[in-house]
Amino acid sequence: MAAIKEDLHKLIDTTNDEKLLEDIFMILSSRRNYKEGSLWASLTEAQKQDVLASESEISDESAWLTQEEIKRRNSKWLR
C-alpha cells in the first residue's frame, strides 16, 4: 500500500491541472465519508421500486438483445 500512496503523491505533485486535482480531491473526499448502504437509503420509495423493477428486468434473459441485433436495429445511425 505504501508504494501506491507514494506513486499517487508523485502524480499529484507533478500535475498542474487544477481540474484534475479538484476531481481527485472530490473522489477521495467522498470515499472517506462513504457509508455502506447510504446511496440506497437516500432514494425515495419510488426510486427504490424502479431499481428493483430494473433488476428483475435484467434477470430476464429472454429480453436481452445480441450485439448483432442492436447493430441491425440501429444501422441507419451507425453509417
N, C-alpha and C. Protein backbone atom coordinates (compact mmCIF):
# COMPACT_ATOMS: atom_id res chain seq x y z
N MET A 1 0.82 -1.19 0.00
CA MET A 1 0.00 0.00 0.00
C MET A 1 0.87 1.26 0.00
N ALA A 2 2.01 1.19 0.63
CA ALA A 2 2.90 2.36 0.67
C ALA A 2 3.33 2.78 -0.72
N ALA A 3 3.56 1.80 -1.60
CA ALA A 3 4.02 2.11 -2.96
C ALA A 3 2.96 2.88 -3.73
N ILE A 4 1.71 2.47 -3.61
CA ILE A 4 0.64 3.18 -4.35
C ILE A 4 0.45 4.59 -3.80
N LYS A 5 0.58 4.75 -2.50
CA LYS A 5 0.48 6.09 -1.92
C LYS A 5 1.61 6.98 -2.44
N GLU A 6 2.81 6.41 -2.47
CA GLU A 6 3.96 7.17 -2.96
C GLU A 6 3.77 7.56 -4.42
N ASP A 7 3.30 6.60 -5.24
CA ASP A 7 3.06 6.89 -6.66
C ASP A 7 1.99 7.96 -6.83
N LEU A 8 0.92 7.88 -6.04
CA LEU A 8 -0.14 8.88 -6.11
C LEU A 8 0.38 10.26 -5.72
N HIS A 9 1.17 10.32 -4.67
CA HIS A 9 1.76 11.60 -4.26
C HIS A 9 2.62 12.19 -5.38
N LYS A 10 3.41 11.35 -6.03
CA LYS A 10 4.26 11.82 -7.12
C LYS A 10 3.42 12.38 -8.27
N LEU A 11 2.36 11.66 -8.62
CA LEU A 11 1.49 12.13 -9.71
C LEU A 11 0.85 13.47 -9.35
N ILE A 12 0.37 13.56 -8.14
CA ILE A 12 -0.27 14.81 -7.70
C ILE A 12 0.75 15.96 -7.70
N ASP A 13 1.93 15.68 -7.19
CA ASP A 13 2.97 16.71 -7.13
C ASP A 13 3.43 17.19 -8.49
N THR A 14 3.31 16.35 -9.52
CA THR A 14 3.83 16.73 -10.84
C THR A 14 2.78 17.28 -11.79
N THR A 15 1.52 17.33 -11.37
CA THR A 15 0.49 17.86 -12.27
C THR A 15 0.19 19.32 -11.95
N ASN A 16 -0.13 20.04 -13.00
CA ASN A 16 -0.56 21.43 -12.85
C ASN A 16 -2.01 21.60 -13.29
N ASP A 17 -2.68 20.49 -13.52
CA ASP A 17 -4.06 20.50 -13.99
C ASP A 17 -5.00 20.66 -12.79
N GLU A 18 -5.47 21.89 -12.61
CA GLU A 18 -6.29 22.19 -11.43
C GLU A 18 -7.59 21.40 -11.42
N LYS A 19 -8.19 21.23 -12.59
CA LYS A 19 -9.44 20.47 -12.68
C LYS A 19 -9.22 19.01 -12.25
N LEU A 20 -8.13 18.43 -12.71
CA LEU A 20 -7.79 17.06 -12.32
C LEU A 20 -7.60 16.96 -10.82
N LEU A 21 -6.89 17.90 -10.25
CA LEU A 21 -6.67 17.91 -8.80
C LEU A 21 -7.98 18.05 -8.04
N GLU A 22 -8.87 18.90 -8.55
CA GLU A 22 -10.19 19.04 -7.91
C GLU A 22 -10.96 17.73 -7.98
N ASP A 23 -10.91 17.07 -9.13
CA ASP A 23 -11.60 15.79 -9.29
C ASP A 23 -11.06 14.73 -8.33
N ILE A 24 -9.74 14.65 -8.24
CA ILE A 24 -9.12 13.70 -7.32
C ILE A 24 -9.53 14.01 -5.88
N PHE A 25 -9.52 15.28 -5.54
CA PHE A 25 -9.91 15.69 -4.19
C PHE A 25 -11.35 15.28 -3.90
N MET A 26 -12.25 15.51 -4.86
CA MET A 26 -13.66 15.16 -4.66
C MET A 26 -13.84 13.66 -4.50
N ILE A 27 -13.13 12.88 -5.31
CA ILE A 27 -13.23 11.42 -5.23
C ILE A 27 -12.76 10.94 -3.86
N LEU A 28 -11.59 11.40 -3.46
CA LEU A 28 -11.05 10.95 -2.17
C LEU A 28 -11.91 11.43 -1.00
N SER A 29 -12.40 12.64 -1.08
CA SER A 29 -13.25 13.17 -0.01
C SER A 29 -14.55 12.39 0.11
N SER A 30 -15.16 12.10 -1.02
CA SER A 30 -16.45 11.40 -0.97
C SER A 30 -16.27 9.97 -0.49
N ARG A 31 -15.15 9.33 -0.85
CA ARG A 31 -14.90 7.96 -0.39
C ARG A 31 -14.62 7.91 1.10
N ARG A 32 -14.00 8.94 1.63
CA ARG A 32 -13.70 8.96 3.06
C ARG A 32 -14.98 9.01 3.88
N ASN A 33 -15.98 9.71 3.37
CA ASN A 33 -17.24 9.87 4.10
C ASN A 33 -18.30 8.84 3.73
N TYR A 34 -17.95 7.89 2.85
CA TYR A 34 -18.92 6.91 2.35
C TYR A 34 -19.30 5.91 3.44
N LYS A 35 -20.59 5.65 3.53
CA LYS A 35 -21.11 4.64 4.44
C LYS A 35 -21.88 3.62 3.62
N GLU A 36 -21.59 2.35 3.83
CA GLU A 36 -22.25 1.27 3.11
C GLU A 36 -23.77 1.42 3.21
N GLY A 37 -24.45 1.40 2.06
CA GLY A 37 -25.91 1.49 2.04
C GLY A 37 -26.46 2.90 2.03
N SER A 38 -25.58 3.90 2.07
CA SER A 38 -26.07 5.28 2.15
C SER A 38 -26.77 5.71 0.86
N LEU A 39 -26.31 5.21 -0.28
CA LEU A 39 -26.97 5.56 -1.54
C LEU A 39 -28.40 5.02 -1.54
N TRP A 40 -28.56 3.75 -1.20
CA TRP A 40 -29.89 3.13 -1.17
C TRP A 40 -30.80 3.88 -0.19
N ALA A 41 -30.28 4.22 0.97
CA ALA A 41 -31.08 4.90 2.00
C ALA A 41 -31.51 6.29 1.53
N SER A 42 -30.74 6.89 0.62
CA SER A 42 -31.07 8.25 0.16
C SER A 42 -32.16 8.25 -0.91
N LEU A 43 -32.50 7.08 -1.47
CA LEU A 43 -33.50 7.02 -2.53
C LEU A 43 -34.92 7.10 -1.96
N THR A 44 -35.82 7.65 -2.76
CA THR A 44 -37.24 7.65 -2.37
C THR A 44 -37.78 6.24 -2.58
N GLU A 45 -38.94 5.97 -2.04
CA GLU A 45 -39.55 4.65 -2.22
C GLU A 45 -39.80 4.37 -3.71
N ALA A 46 -40.23 5.39 -4.46
CA ALA A 46 -40.47 5.22 -5.89
C ALA A 46 -39.17 4.86 -6.61
N GLN A 47 -38.08 5.52 -6.26
CA GLN A 47 -36.79 5.22 -6.88
C GLN A 47 -36.34 3.81 -6.54
N LYS A 48 -36.54 3.40 -5.30
CA LYS A 48 -36.18 2.04 -4.90
C LYS A 48 -36.98 1.02 -5.70
N GLN A 49 -38.27 1.28 -5.89
CA GLN A 49 -39.10 0.36 -6.67
C GLN A 49 -38.63 0.30 -8.12
N ASP A 50 -38.24 1.44 -8.67
CA ASP A 50 -37.71 1.45 -10.04
C ASP A 50 -36.43 0.62 -10.16
N VAL A 51 -35.56 0.74 -9.18
CA VAL A 51 -34.32 -0.04 -9.19
C VAL A 51 -34.63 -1.53 -9.11
N LEU A 52 -35.54 -1.90 -8.22
CA LEU A 52 -35.90 -3.31 -8.07
C LEU A 52 -36.56 -3.86 -9.33
N ALA A 53 -37.40 -3.04 -9.97
CA ALA A 53 -38.04 -3.46 -11.22
C ALA A 53 -37.00 -3.63 -12.32
N SER A 54 -36.04 -2.74 -12.39
CA SER A 54 -34.97 -2.84 -13.37
C SER A 54 -34.15 -4.10 -13.15
N GLU A 55 -33.89 -4.39 -11.89
CA GLU A 55 -33.12 -5.58 -11.56
C GLU A 55 -33.82 -6.85 -12.03
N SER A 56 -35.14 -6.89 -11.88
CA SER A 56 -35.87 -8.08 -12.34
C SER A 56 -35.91 -8.15 -13.86
N GLU A 57 -35.95 -7.00 -14.53
CA GLU A 57 -35.91 -6.97 -15.99
C GLU A 57 -34.56 -7.48 -16.50
N ILE A 58 -33.51 -7.10 -15.83
CA ILE A 58 -32.17 -7.52 -16.23
C ILE A 58 -32.02 -9.03 -16.12
N SER A 59 -32.64 -9.62 -15.13
CA SER A 59 -32.50 -11.06 -14.94
C SER A 59 -33.30 -11.88 -15.96
N ASP A 60 -34.18 -11.23 -16.73
CA ASP A 60 -34.97 -11.93 -17.76
C ASP A 60 -34.17 -11.99 -19.06
N GLU A 61 -33.41 -13.06 -19.23
CA GLU A 61 -32.52 -13.18 -20.39
C GLU A 61 -33.28 -13.23 -21.71
N SER A 62 -34.56 -13.56 -21.69
CA SER A 62 -35.32 -13.61 -22.94
C SER A 62 -35.50 -12.22 -23.55
N ALA A 63 -35.32 -11.18 -22.76
CA ALA A 63 -35.47 -9.81 -23.24
C ALA A 63 -34.14 -9.22 -23.74
N TRP A 64 -33.07 -9.96 -23.58
CA TRP A 64 -31.75 -9.47 -23.99
C TRP A 64 -31.63 -9.49 -25.50
N LEU A 65 -30.86 -8.54 -26.04
CA LEU A 65 -30.59 -8.47 -27.47
C LEU A 65 -29.10 -8.71 -27.71
N THR A 66 -28.79 -9.37 -28.80
CA THR A 66 -27.39 -9.57 -29.15
C THR A 66 -26.84 -8.27 -29.73
N GLN A 67 -25.52 -8.19 -29.78
CA GLN A 67 -24.88 -7.02 -30.37
C GLN A 67 -25.27 -6.91 -31.84
N GLU A 68 -25.38 -8.04 -32.51
CA GLU A 68 -25.76 -8.04 -33.92
C GLU A 68 -27.16 -7.46 -34.12
N GLU A 69 -28.09 -7.83 -33.22
CA GLU A 69 -29.46 -7.31 -33.30
C GLU A 69 -29.48 -5.80 -33.05
N ILE A 70 -28.71 -5.36 -32.10
CA ILE A 70 -28.63 -3.92 -31.81
C ILE A 70 -28.10 -3.18 -33.05
N LYS A 71 -27.05 -3.72 -33.66
CA LYS A 71 -26.49 -3.09 -34.86
C LYS A 71 -27.51 -3.06 -35.98
N ARG A 72 -28.25 -4.16 -36.15
CA ARG A 72 -29.25 -4.21 -37.22
C ARG A 72 -30.33 -3.17 -36.98
N ARG A 73 -30.81 -3.07 -35.75
CA ARG A 73 -31.89 -2.12 -35.45
C ARG A 73 -31.43 -0.67 -35.56
N ASN A 74 -30.16 -0.44 -35.32
CA ASN A 74 -29.64 0.93 -35.32
C ASN A 74 -28.76 1.23 -36.51
N SER A 75 -28.81 0.42 -37.53
CA SER A 75 -27.88 0.56 -38.66
C SER A 75 -27.97 1.93 -39.33
N LYS A 76 -29.17 2.52 -39.38
CA LYS A 76 -29.30 3.82 -40.05
C LYS A 76 -28.50 4.91 -39.32
N TRP A 77 -28.26 4.74 -38.00
CA TRP A 77 -27.48 5.73 -37.25
C TRP A 77 -26.01 5.37 -37.20
N LEU A 78 -25.66 4.15 -37.58
CA LEU A 78 -24.27 3.70 -37.49
C LEU A 78 -23.48 3.87 -38.78
N ARG A 79 -24.07 4.45 -39.79
CA ARG A 79 -23.38 4.62 -41.07
C ARG A 79 -22.36 5.71 -41.03
